[in-house]
N, C-alpha and C. Protein backbone atom coordinates (compact mmCIF):
# COMPACT_ATOMS: atom_id res chain seq x y z
N UNK A 1 10.38 2.16 -3.52
CA UNK A 1 9.12 3.09 -3.39
C UNK A 1 8.98 4.11 -1.62
N UNK A 2 9.16 3.06 -1.35
CA UNK A 2 8.95 3.26 0.07
C UNK A 2 9.66 4.60 0.84
N UNK A 3 11.19 3.66 0.14
CA UNK A 3 12.52 4.56 0.29
C UNK A 3 12.27 5.87 0.19
N UNK A 4 11.58 5.74 -1.27
CA UNK A 4 11.29 7.31 -2.22
C UNK A 4 10.17 8.52 -1.46
N UNK A 5 9.29 7.38 -0.90
CA UNK A 5 8.54 8.75 -0.46
C UNK A 5 8.58 8.95 1.10
N UNK A 6 9.16 8.42 2.42
CA UNK A 6 9.84 8.62 3.36
C UNK A 6 11.26 9.73 2.98
N UNK A 7 12.03 9.13 2.22
CA UNK A 7 12.81 10.02 1.49
C UNK A 7 12.75 11.18 1.32
N UNK A 8 11.24 11.25 0.28
CA UNK A 8 10.84 12.84 -0.35
C UNK A 8 10.80 13.91 1.49
N UNK A 9 9.76 12.84 2.04
CA UNK A 9 8.64 13.84 2.94
C UNK A 9 10.50 13.79 4.21
N UNK A 10 11.22 13.55 4.59
CA UNK A 10 12.45 13.90 5.04
C UNK A 10 12.79 15.21 4.13
N UNK A 11 13.15 15.15 3.13
CA UNK A 11 13.55 16.31 2.73
C UNK A 11 12.47 17.49 2.33
N UNK A 12 11.49 17.14 2.69
CA UNK A 12 10.19 17.91 3.02
C UNK A 12 10.27 18.69 4.06
N UNK A 13 10.83 17.78 5.11
CA UNK A 13 10.81 18.69 6.38
C UNK A 13 11.96 19.94 6.19
N UNK A 14 13.24 19.13 5.93
CA UNK A 14 14.35 19.79 6.05
C UNK A 14 14.09 21.74 5.66
N UNK A 15 13.57 21.22 4.05
CA UNK A 15 12.92 22.51 3.71
C UNK A 15 12.51 23.60 4.45
N UNK A 16 11.05 22.69 4.96
CA UNK A 16 10.38 23.22 5.66
C UNK A 16 10.96 24.00 6.96
N UNK A 17 11.85 23.12 7.23
CA UNK A 17 12.39 23.32 8.43
C UNK A 17 13.90 24.92 8.31
N UNK A 18 14.46 24.63 6.93
CA UNK A 18 15.90 25.68 7.06
C UNK A 18 14.91 26.83 6.35
N UNK A 19 13.46 27.04 5.48
CA UNK A 19 12.79 28.11 4.79
C UNK A 19 12.34 28.62 6.47
N UNK A 20 11.61 28.40 7.42
CA UNK A 20 11.74 28.79 9.02
C UNK A 20 12.65 29.41 9.46
N UNK A 21 12.96 28.71 9.60
CA UNK A 21 14.77 29.33 10.93
C UNK A 21 15.09 30.73 9.77
N UNK A 22 14.80 30.59 8.81
CA UNK A 22 15.58 31.44 7.97
C UNK A 22 14.96 32.60 7.79
N UNK A 23 13.74 32.76 7.72
CA UNK A 23 12.69 33.92 7.76
C UNK A 23 12.54 34.04 9.15
N UNK A 24 13.21 33.50 9.72
CA UNK A 24 13.22 34.17 11.56
C UNK A 24 14.52 34.58 11.98
N UNK A 25 15.77 34.24 11.12
CA UNK A 25 16.45 34.45 11.11
C UNK A 25 16.82 35.97 10.56
N UNK A 26 16.24 36.16 9.03
CA UNK A 26 16.48 37.61 8.60
C UNK A 26 15.21 38.49 8.64
N UNK A 27 14.00 38.34 9.87
CA UNK A 27 13.30 38.58 10.67
C UNK A 27 11.72 39.49 9.80
N UNK A 28 12.01 38.38 8.26
CA UNK A 28 10.95 38.16 7.31
C UNK A 28 10.10 38.42 7.87
N UNK A 29 9.45 37.19 9.12
CA UNK A 29 8.73 37.20 9.49
C UNK A 29 9.44 37.39 10.90
N UNK A 30 8.00 38.14 12.14
CA UNK A 30 7.99 37.82 13.77
C UNK A 30 7.51 37.13 14.39
N UNK A 31 7.70 36.62 15.62
CA UNK A 31 6.24 35.74 16.34
C UNK A 31 4.95 36.06 16.16
N UNK A 32 4.67 37.87 16.08
CA UNK A 32 4.06 38.19 16.36
C UNK A 32 2.69 38.67 15.27
N UNK A 33 3.36 38.32 13.79
CA UNK A 33 2.90 37.59 13.11
C UNK A 33 1.61 36.93 12.96
N UNK A 34 0.44 36.86 12.62
CA UNK A 34 -0.68 36.09 12.89
C UNK A 34 -0.78 35.14 11.79
N UNK A 35 0.15 34.83 11.03
CA UNK A 35 0.16 33.47 10.37
C UNK A 35 0.76 31.97 11.21
N UNK A 36 2.03 33.28 11.31
CA UNK A 36 2.91 32.26 12.13
C UNK A 36 2.13 31.94 13.87
N UNK A 37 1.79 32.84 14.26
CA UNK A 37 0.63 33.10 15.60
C UNK A 37 -0.35 31.65 15.43
N UNK A 38 -1.27 31.42 14.30
CA UNK A 38 -1.87 30.72 14.14
C UNK A 38 -1.13 29.34 14.09
N UNK A 39 -0.50 29.39 12.59
CA UNK A 39 0.72 27.87 13.20
C UNK A 39 0.86 27.53 14.49
N UNK A 40 1.05 27.95 15.08
CA UNK A 40 1.59 28.03 16.09
C UNK A 40 0.77 27.09 17.49
N UNK A 41 -0.35 28.31 17.59
CA UNK A 41 -1.29 27.42 17.83
C UNK A 41 -1.53 26.32 17.77
N UNK A 42 -1.79 25.90 16.27
CA UNK A 42 -2.06 24.65 15.60
C UNK A 42 -2.04 23.41 16.14
N UNK A 43 -0.33 24.25 16.38
CA UNK A 43 0.81 22.33 16.79
C UNK A 43 0.67 22.55 17.88
N UNK A 44 0.71 23.55 19.03
CA UNK A 44 -0.16 23.17 20.63
C UNK A 44 -1.28 22.61 20.25
N UNK A 45 -2.01 23.00 19.43
CA UNK A 45 -3.62 22.05 20.05
C UNK A 45 -3.43 21.05 19.05
N UNK A 46 -2.87 20.89 17.75
CA UNK A 46 -3.60 19.31 17.20
C UNK A 46 -1.98 18.47 16.94
N UNK A 47 -0.88 19.08 17.91
CA UNK A 47 0.84 18.39 17.29
C UNK A 47 0.78 17.16 17.67
N UNK A 48 0.54 16.83 18.48
CA UNK A 48 0.70 15.02 19.16
C UNK A 48 -0.40 14.57 18.09
N UNK A 49 -0.94 14.59 17.06
CA UNK A 49 -1.46 13.97 16.39
C UNK A 49 -0.22 14.12 14.75
N UNK A 50 0.28 14.83 14.71
CA UNK A 50 1.10 15.24 13.48
C UNK A 50 2.26 13.96 14.32
N UNK A 51 2.75 14.70 15.62
CA UNK A 51 3.97 13.77 16.62
C UNK A 51 3.75 12.25 16.04
N UNK A 52 2.36 11.37 16.46
CA UNK A 52 1.76 9.93 16.69
C UNK A 52 1.72 9.84 14.86
N UNK A 53 1.69 10.72 13.97
CA UNK A 53 1.88 10.18 12.60
C UNK A 53 3.17 10.04 12.08
N UNK A 54 4.27 11.08 12.55
CA UNK A 54 5.37 10.64 12.31
C UNK A 54 6.32 9.58 12.72
N UNK A 55 5.85 9.56 14.43
CA UNK A 55 5.92 8.32 14.80
C UNK A 55 5.95 6.84 14.24
N UNK A 56 4.50 6.74 13.90
CA UNK A 56 4.11 5.42 13.20
C UNK A 56 4.41 5.38 11.83
N UNK A 57 5.37 6.49 10.89
CA UNK A 57 5.80 5.91 9.75
C UNK A 57 7.04 5.73 10.21
N UNK A 58 7.66 6.02 11.31
CA UNK A 58 9.20 5.22 11.57
C UNK A 58 8.78 4.16 11.98
N UNK A 59 7.79 3.69 12.85
CA UNK A 59 7.66 2.13 12.41
C UNK A 59 7.20 1.43 11.86
N UNK A 60 6.60 1.42 11.52
CA UNK A 60 6.34 0.61 10.01
C UNK A 60 7.12 0.90 8.62
N UNK A 61 7.77 2.24 9.04
CA UNK A 61 8.64 2.17 7.97
C UNK A 61 10.35 1.34 8.98
N UNK A 62 10.34 0.83 9.21
CA UNK A 62 11.19 0.40 10.01
C UNK A 62 11.69 -1.21 10.02
N UNK A 63 9.60 -1.72 10.11
CA UNK A 63 9.40 -2.46 10.15
C UNK A 63 9.51 -3.46 8.56
N UNK A 64 9.26 -2.17 7.89
CA UNK A 64 9.67 -2.28 6.28
C UNK A 64 10.18 -2.61 5.45
N UNK A 65 12.00 -1.85 6.42
CA UNK A 65 13.16 -2.02 6.13
C UNK A 65 13.54 -3.47 6.50
N UNK A 66 13.37 -3.89 7.86
CA UNK A 66 13.48 -5.09 8.86
C UNK A 66 12.81 -6.42 8.01
N UNK A 67 11.17 -6.20 7.45
CA UNK A 67 10.35 -7.80 7.82
C UNK A 67 10.51 -7.97 5.85
N UNK A 68 10.44 -6.74 5.29
CA UNK A 68 9.86 -6.65 4.15
C UNK A 68 11.19 -6.92 3.30
N UNK A 69 12.13 -5.73 3.45
CA UNK A 69 13.83 -5.70 2.40
C UNK A 69 14.56 -6.38 3.20
N UNK A 70 14.23 -6.94 4.34
CA UNK A 70 15.10 -7.97 5.00
C UNK A 70 16.55 -6.92 4.82
N UNK A 71 16.53 -5.65 5.06
CA UNK A 71 17.99 -4.97 6.01
C UNK A 71 18.00 -5.03 7.38
N UNK A 72 18.86 -5.82 8.14
CA UNK A 72 19.03 -6.01 9.19
C UNK A 72 19.71 -5.22 9.84
N UNK A 73 18.95 -5.00 11.17
CA UNK A 73 18.93 -3.06 11.60
C UNK A 73 20.61 -3.50 12.63
N UNK A 74 21.17 -2.45 13.37
CA UNK A 74 22.10 -2.82 13.99
C UNK A 74 22.09 -1.91 15.09
N UNK A 75 23.08 -2.31 15.74
CA UNK A 75 22.47 -1.89 17.56
C UNK A 75 22.04 -0.77 17.70
N UNK A 76 22.18 0.11 16.79
CA UNK A 76 21.76 1.75 17.22
C UNK A 76 20.18 1.85 17.02
N UNK A 77 19.93 1.84 15.50
CA UNK A 77 18.60 0.94 14.75
C UNK A 77 18.36 0.26 16.25
N UNK A 78 18.32 -0.96 16.86
CA UNK A 78 17.30 -1.19 17.67
C UNK A 78 17.12 -0.64 18.76
N UNK A 79 18.27 0.11 19.20
CA UNK A 79 17.96 1.32 20.37
C UNK A 79 17.02 2.39 19.64
N UNK A 80 17.60 3.20 18.78
CA UNK A 80 16.33 3.97 18.43
C UNK A 80 14.93 3.31 18.58
N UNK A 81 15.00 2.33 17.92
CA UNK A 81 13.05 1.74 17.74
C UNK A 81 12.81 1.31 19.31
N UNK A 82 13.45 1.39 20.15
CA UNK A 82 13.08 1.09 21.61
C UNK A 82 12.51 2.31 21.99
N UNK A 83 12.75 4.14 21.52
CA UNK A 83 12.00 4.57 21.55
C UNK A 83 11.43 5.25 21.05
N UNK A 84 11.29 5.23 19.78
CA UNK A 84 10.43 5.91 18.87
C UNK A 84 9.38 4.22 19.20
N UNK A 85 9.23 3.42 19.67
CA UNK A 85 7.72 1.93 19.56
C UNK A 85 7.39 2.15 21.01
N UNK A 86 8.21 2.64 21.71
CA UNK A 86 7.64 3.04 22.77
C UNK A 86 6.55 4.42 22.81
N UNK A 87 7.19 5.17 22.77
CA UNK A 87 6.37 6.36 22.53
C UNK A 87 5.28 6.31 21.66
N UNK A 88 5.07 5.28 20.63
CA UNK A 88 3.95 5.61 19.62
C UNK A 88 3.35 4.20 20.44
N UNK A 89 3.44 3.79 20.97
CA UNK A 89 2.72 3.18 22.18
C UNK A 89 2.10 3.98 23.21
N UNK A 90 2.61 4.79 23.85
CA UNK A 90 2.07 5.47 24.40
C UNK A 90 1.08 6.89 23.95
N UNK A 91 1.34 7.53 23.10
CA UNK A 91 0.95 7.84 22.06
C UNK A 91 -0.38 7.02 21.90
N UNK A 92 -0.38 6.01 21.94
CA UNK A 92 -1.74 5.50 20.27
C UNK A 92 -2.75 5.44 22.34
N UNK A 93 -2.12 5.27 23.00
CA UNK A 93 -3.40 4.72 24.42
C UNK A 93 -3.59 6.12 24.85
N UNK A 94 -2.52 7.33 24.89
CA UNK A 94 -3.37 8.60 25.34
C UNK A 94 -4.20 9.36 24.55
N UNK A 95 -3.73 8.99 22.93
CA UNK A 95 -4.70 9.55 22.53
C UNK A 95 -6.48 9.11 22.38
N UNK A 96 -6.35 7.74 22.59
CA UNK A 96 -7.82 6.78 22.59
C UNK A 96 -8.78 7.08 24.29
N UNK A 97 -7.17 7.39 25.10
CA UNK A 97 -7.70 7.50 26.07
C UNK A 97 -8.13 9.08 26.85
N UNK A 98 -7.75 10.06 25.66
CA UNK A 98 -7.80 11.25 25.74
C UNK A 98 -6.61 12.33 27.35
N UNK A 99 -5.97 11.66 27.96
CA UNK A 99 -4.54 11.88 27.95
C UNK A 99 -3.37 12.46 27.42
N UNK A 100 -3.56 13.31 26.85
CA UNK A 100 -2.30 13.63 26.25
C UNK A 100 -1.51 14.47 26.94
N UNK A 101 -1.76 15.73 27.89
CA UNK A 101 -0.51 15.93 28.40
C UNK A 101 0.57 15.06 29.57
N UNK A 102 0.10 14.71 29.91
CA UNK A 102 0.75 13.45 30.74
C UNK A 102 1.33 12.89 29.61
N UNK A 103 1.03 11.80 28.58
CA UNK A 103 1.93 11.37 27.37
C UNK A 103 2.87 12.46 27.05
N UNK A 104 1.78 13.39 26.54
CA UNK A 104 3.69 14.30 25.68
C UNK A 104 4.61 14.46 26.69
N UNK A 105 4.66 14.42 28.30
CA UNK A 105 5.66 14.56 28.44
C UNK A 105 6.37 13.38 28.72
N UNK A 106 6.07 11.97 28.98
CA UNK A 106 6.92 11.19 28.70
C UNK A 106 7.62 10.54 27.27
N UNK A 107 6.31 11.43 26.34
CA UNK A 107 7.32 10.71 25.02
C UNK A 107 8.01 11.79 24.79
N UNK A 108 7.85 12.84 25.41
CA UNK A 108 8.81 14.28 25.38
C UNK A 108 10.01 13.60 25.79
N UNK A 109 10.52 12.83 26.88
CA UNK A 109 11.50 12.65 27.47
C UNK A 109 12.22 11.37 26.42
N UNK A 110 11.16 10.29 26.01
CA UNK A 110 11.87 8.71 25.56
C UNK A 110 12.38 9.31 23.84
N UNK A 111 12.21 10.43 23.68
CA UNK A 111 12.79 10.65 22.56
C UNK A 111 13.43 11.37 21.71
N UNK A 112 14.34 12.16 23.26
CA UNK A 112 15.39 12.89 23.32
C UNK A 112 16.51 11.76 23.30
N UNK A 113 16.49 11.10 23.93
CA UNK A 113 17.90 10.24 23.91
C UNK A 113 18.04 8.97 21.92
N UNK A 114 16.71 9.16 21.60
CA UNK A 114 16.02 8.54 20.48
C UNK A 114 16.85 9.54 19.71
N UNK A 115 16.81 10.79 20.07
CA UNK A 115 17.00 11.79 18.44
C UNK A 115 18.94 12.08 18.65
N UNK A 116 19.44 11.72 20.03
CA UNK A 116 20.39 11.68 19.74
C UNK A 116 21.45 10.55 19.78
N UNK A 117 20.20 9.68 19.75
CA UNK A 117 21.40 8.10 18.56
C UNK A 117 21.29 8.52 17.67
N UNK A 118 20.08 8.86 16.79
CA UNK A 118 20.26 8.62 14.96
C UNK A 118 21.13 9.76 14.55
N UNK A 119 21.09 11.02 15.52
CA UNK A 119 22.38 11.99 15.06
C UNK A 119 23.32 11.07 14.85
N UNK A 120 23.64 10.73 16.24
CA UNK A 120 25.00 9.87 15.92
C UNK A 120 25.35 9.12 15.47
N UNK A 121 23.92 8.36 14.82
CA UNK A 121 24.36 6.66 13.87
C UNK A 121 24.82 7.84 12.51
N UNK A 122 23.66 8.75 12.49
CA UNK A 122 24.26 9.60 11.15
C UNK A 122 25.22 9.93 10.33
N UNK A 123 26.05 10.26 11.71
CA UNK A 123 27.04 10.93 11.43
C UNK A 123 28.49 9.76 11.41
N UNK A 124 28.13 8.46 12.08
CA UNK A 124 29.10 7.21 11.69
C UNK A 124 28.77 7.20 10.34
N UNK A 125 27.94 6.77 9.81
CA UNK A 125 27.50 6.85 8.60
C UNK A 125 28.06 7.49 7.35
N UNK A 126 28.32 8.85 7.14
CA UNK A 126 28.35 9.88 7.12
C UNK A 126 29.97 10.08 7.08
N UNK A 127 30.75 9.25 7.72
CA UNK A 127 32.08 9.65 8.27
C UNK A 127 32.68 7.89 7.49
N UNK A 128 32.01 6.72 7.95
CA UNK A 128 32.34 5.30 8.09
C UNK A 128 32.77 5.04 9.27
N UNK A 129 32.55 5.76 10.43
CA UNK A 129 32.67 5.41 11.77
C UNK A 129 32.04 4.09 12.32
N UNK A 130 32.95 3.27 12.58
CA UNK A 130 32.29 2.72 12.97
C UNK A 130 32.54 1.81 14.49
N UNK A 131 32.12 2.49 15.33
CA UNK A 131 32.84 2.64 17.16
C UNK A 131 32.09 1.94 17.86
N UNK A 132 30.79 1.50 17.90
CA UNK A 132 30.19 1.45 18.33
C UNK A 132 29.38 -0.05 17.94
N UNK A 133 28.63 -0.12 17.29
CA UNK A 133 28.17 -1.30 16.50
C UNK A 133 29.49 -2.34 16.07
N UNK A 134 29.43 -3.84 15.60
CA UNK A 134 29.57 -4.51 14.98
C UNK A 134 31.47 -4.68 15.49
N UNK A 135 32.01 -4.34 16.88
CA UNK A 135 33.25 -4.28 17.29
C UNK A 135 33.40 -5.38 16.92
N UNK A 136 32.77 -6.48 17.53
CA UNK A 136 32.61 -8.21 18.03
C UNK A 136 33.08 -8.83 16.03
N UNK A 137 32.43 -8.24 14.71
CA UNK A 137 33.02 -8.55 14.39
C UNK A 137 31.39 -9.38 13.74
N UNK A 138 29.90 -9.57 14.86
CA UNK A 138 29.22 -10.50 14.47
C UNK A 138 28.01 -8.82 14.43
N UNK A 139 26.93 -9.09 13.31
CA UNK A 139 25.61 -8.35 12.35
C UNK A 139 26.51 -7.22 12.02
N UNK A 140 25.68 -6.26 11.36
CA UNK A 140 25.47 -5.01 10.72
C UNK A 140 26.16 -4.34 11.15
N UNK A 141 27.65 -3.39 10.70
CA UNK A 141 27.71 -2.19 11.19
C UNK A 141 26.82 -1.38 11.39
N UNK A 142 27.15 -0.34 12.52
CA UNK A 142 26.17 0.78 12.05
C UNK A 142 26.76 2.10 10.78
N UNK A 143 27.26 2.14 10.29
CA UNK A 143 28.18 2.33 9.16
C UNK A 143 27.53 2.11 8.17
N UNK A 144 26.48 1.01 7.74
CA UNK A 144 25.94 0.35 7.12
C UNK A 144 24.81 0.93 6.04
N UNK A 145 24.71 1.80 5.21
CA UNK A 145 23.58 2.32 4.25
C UNK A 145 23.38 1.66 3.50
N UNK A 146 22.11 1.48 3.75
CA UNK A 146 20.92 0.88 3.27
C UNK A 146 20.18 1.80 1.91
N UNK A 147 20.11 2.77 2.68
CA UNK A 147 19.23 3.91 1.57
C UNK A 147 20.06 5.15 1.67
N UNK A 148 20.74 5.79 0.64
CA UNK A 148 21.54 7.29 0.70
C UNK A 148 20.29 7.36 -0.53
N UNK A 149 19.34 8.79 -0.14
CA UNK A 149 18.81 9.43 -1.12
C UNK A 149 19.34 11.05 -1.24
N UNK A 150 19.04 11.75 -2.21
CA UNK A 150 19.50 13.24 -2.22
C UNK A 150 20.73 13.65 -2.22
N UNK A 151 21.49 12.19 -1.60
CA UNK A 151 23.50 12.85 -1.78
C UNK A 151 23.38 12.78 0.17
N UNK A 152 22.41 12.58 0.45
CA UNK A 152 22.21 12.50 1.60
C UNK A 152 21.23 11.79 2.77
N UNK A 153 20.86 11.56 2.62
CA UNK A 153 19.72 11.12 3.20
C UNK A 153 19.41 9.26 3.54
N UNK A 154 19.55 9.35 4.42
CA UNK A 154 19.93 7.53 5.21
C UNK A 154 18.03 7.46 6.26
N UNK A 155 18.47 6.36 6.12
CA UNK A 155 17.33 5.93 7.79
C UNK A 155 17.73 6.75 8.58
N UNK A 156 19.16 6.42 9.52
CA UNK A 156 19.06 6.95 10.89
C UNK A 156 18.71 8.80 10.74
N UNK A 157 18.86 9.43 9.18
CA UNK A 157 18.76 10.65 8.89
C UNK A 157 17.12 11.26 9.58
N UNK A 158 16.34 10.03 8.48
CA UNK A 158 15.08 9.82 8.72
C UNK A 158 14.38 9.86 10.07
N UNK A 159 15.01 9.55 10.67
CA UNK A 159 14.64 9.50 12.21
C UNK A 159 14.72 10.80 12.94
N UNK A 160 16.25 10.75 13.08
CA UNK A 160 16.69 12.16 13.02
C UNK A 160 15.79 13.22 12.67
N UNK A 161 15.27 13.20 11.93
CA UNK A 161 14.09 14.41 11.70
C UNK A 161 13.07 14.41 12.05
N UNK A 162 12.60 13.27 12.17
CA UNK A 162 11.10 12.93 12.46
C UNK A 162 11.41 13.21 13.90
N UNK A 163 12.15 12.85 14.90
CA UNK A 163 12.63 13.11 16.09
C UNK A 163 12.37 14.03 16.74
N UNK A 164 13.40 14.82 15.75
CA UNK A 164 13.71 16.61 15.65
C UNK A 164 12.18 16.99 15.77
N UNK A 165 11.45 17.00 14.94
CA UNK A 165 10.21 17.38 15.05
C UNK A 165 9.38 17.55 15.84
N UNK A 166 9.41 15.88 15.74
CA UNK A 166 8.00 15.64 16.97
C UNK A 166 9.04 16.48 18.31
N UNK A 167 10.47 16.48 19.04
CA UNK A 167 10.30 17.53 19.82
C UNK A 167 9.84 18.87 19.85
N UNK A 168 9.87 19.41 18.40
CA UNK A 168 9.87 20.92 19.49
C UNK A 168 8.32 20.95 18.27
N UNK A 169 7.45 19.89 18.61
CA UNK A 169 6.39 19.77 18.64
C UNK A 169 5.57 19.48 20.12
N UNK A 170 6.03 18.97 20.20
CA UNK A 170 6.03 18.82 22.05
C UNK A 170 5.80 19.39 22.47
N UNK A 171 7.68 20.37 22.39
CA UNK A 171 7.38 21.42 23.79
C UNK A 171 6.92 22.56 23.55
N UNK A 172 6.34 22.74 22.02
CA UNK A 172 5.47 23.30 22.25
C UNK A 172 3.77 23.08 22.98
N UNK A 173 3.86 22.14 22.39
CA UNK A 173 2.43 21.44 23.31
C UNK A 173 2.47 21.48 24.58
N UNK A 174 3.87 21.61 25.05
CA UNK A 174 3.84 21.02 26.51
C UNK A 174 4.38 22.24 27.15
N UNK A 175 4.31 23.30 26.63
CA UNK A 175 5.04 25.16 27.02
C UNK A 175 2.94 25.68 27.15
N UNK A 176 2.43 24.71 25.72
CA UNK A 176 0.76 25.89 26.11
C UNK A 176 0.10 25.19 27.03
N UNK A 177 0.72 23.83 27.59
CA UNK A 177 -0.49 23.46 28.57
C UNK A 177 0.73 23.19 30.01
N UNK A 178 1.89 24.25 30.12
CA UNK A 178 2.32 24.14 31.14
C UNK A 178 2.44 23.15 32.29
N UNK A 179 3.25 21.96 31.17
CA UNK A 179 3.91 20.59 31.92
C UNK A 179 5.57 21.04 32.00
N UNK A 180 5.84 20.52 32.84
CA UNK A 180 6.98 20.69 33.59
C UNK A 180 7.85 19.23 33.35
N UNK A 181 9.11 19.07 32.77
CA UNK A 181 9.63 17.96 32.51
C UNK A 181 10.42 17.92 33.43
N UNK A 182 11.04 16.56 34.08
CA UNK A 182 11.75 16.29 35.29
C UNK A 182 13.44 17.26 34.97
N UNK A 183 13.83 17.41 33.67
CA UNK A 183 14.71 17.82 33.61
C UNK A 183 15.10 19.19 33.42
N UNK A 184 13.41 19.99 34.09
CA UNK A 184 13.38 21.78 34.41
C UNK A 184 13.86 22.80 32.91
N UNK A 185 13.11 21.44 31.99
CA UNK A 185 13.00 22.61 31.12
C UNK A 185 11.54 22.72 30.83
N UNK A 186 11.04 24.09 29.97
CA UNK A 186 9.38 24.31 29.40
C UNK A 186 9.12 25.22 30.59
């Protein structure tokens, strides 16, 4: 049940991302369109709440999979959790204390390696490669698929999608508030 909800949410985000990219590629809509401007302004202003919901969903989903269903997390899963959980804690306190600009800066930087790890693990799962995990034969392999929905959605892809969407929203939020990262982007 929970896997279906999370998988359907991931599928919805994929369709939404694909639709928006296609519209921009074929210039059906432009950034000067009022609807798009309003949507971008909405994401710049309220996007941190959406990011918080995405990250909190990831935290609760990972806890459900490991503690209720008994799915043993692999090494890459643990590293992804470090980035997602710490970002969720930072955003929790930032939303409470209204320190959103600086929190978005730190969360943005934390989510980059989390997204890279999730994307790498998804590639491992799809091509059944396990070079990092389970090299010593102890623990679960990173290429183990506990969930496989719609012919392509796995737990790492759910994580990657939520992290990628979060990064895009944080990019828009930080651009509006002219927050510079130590990477020099924005």
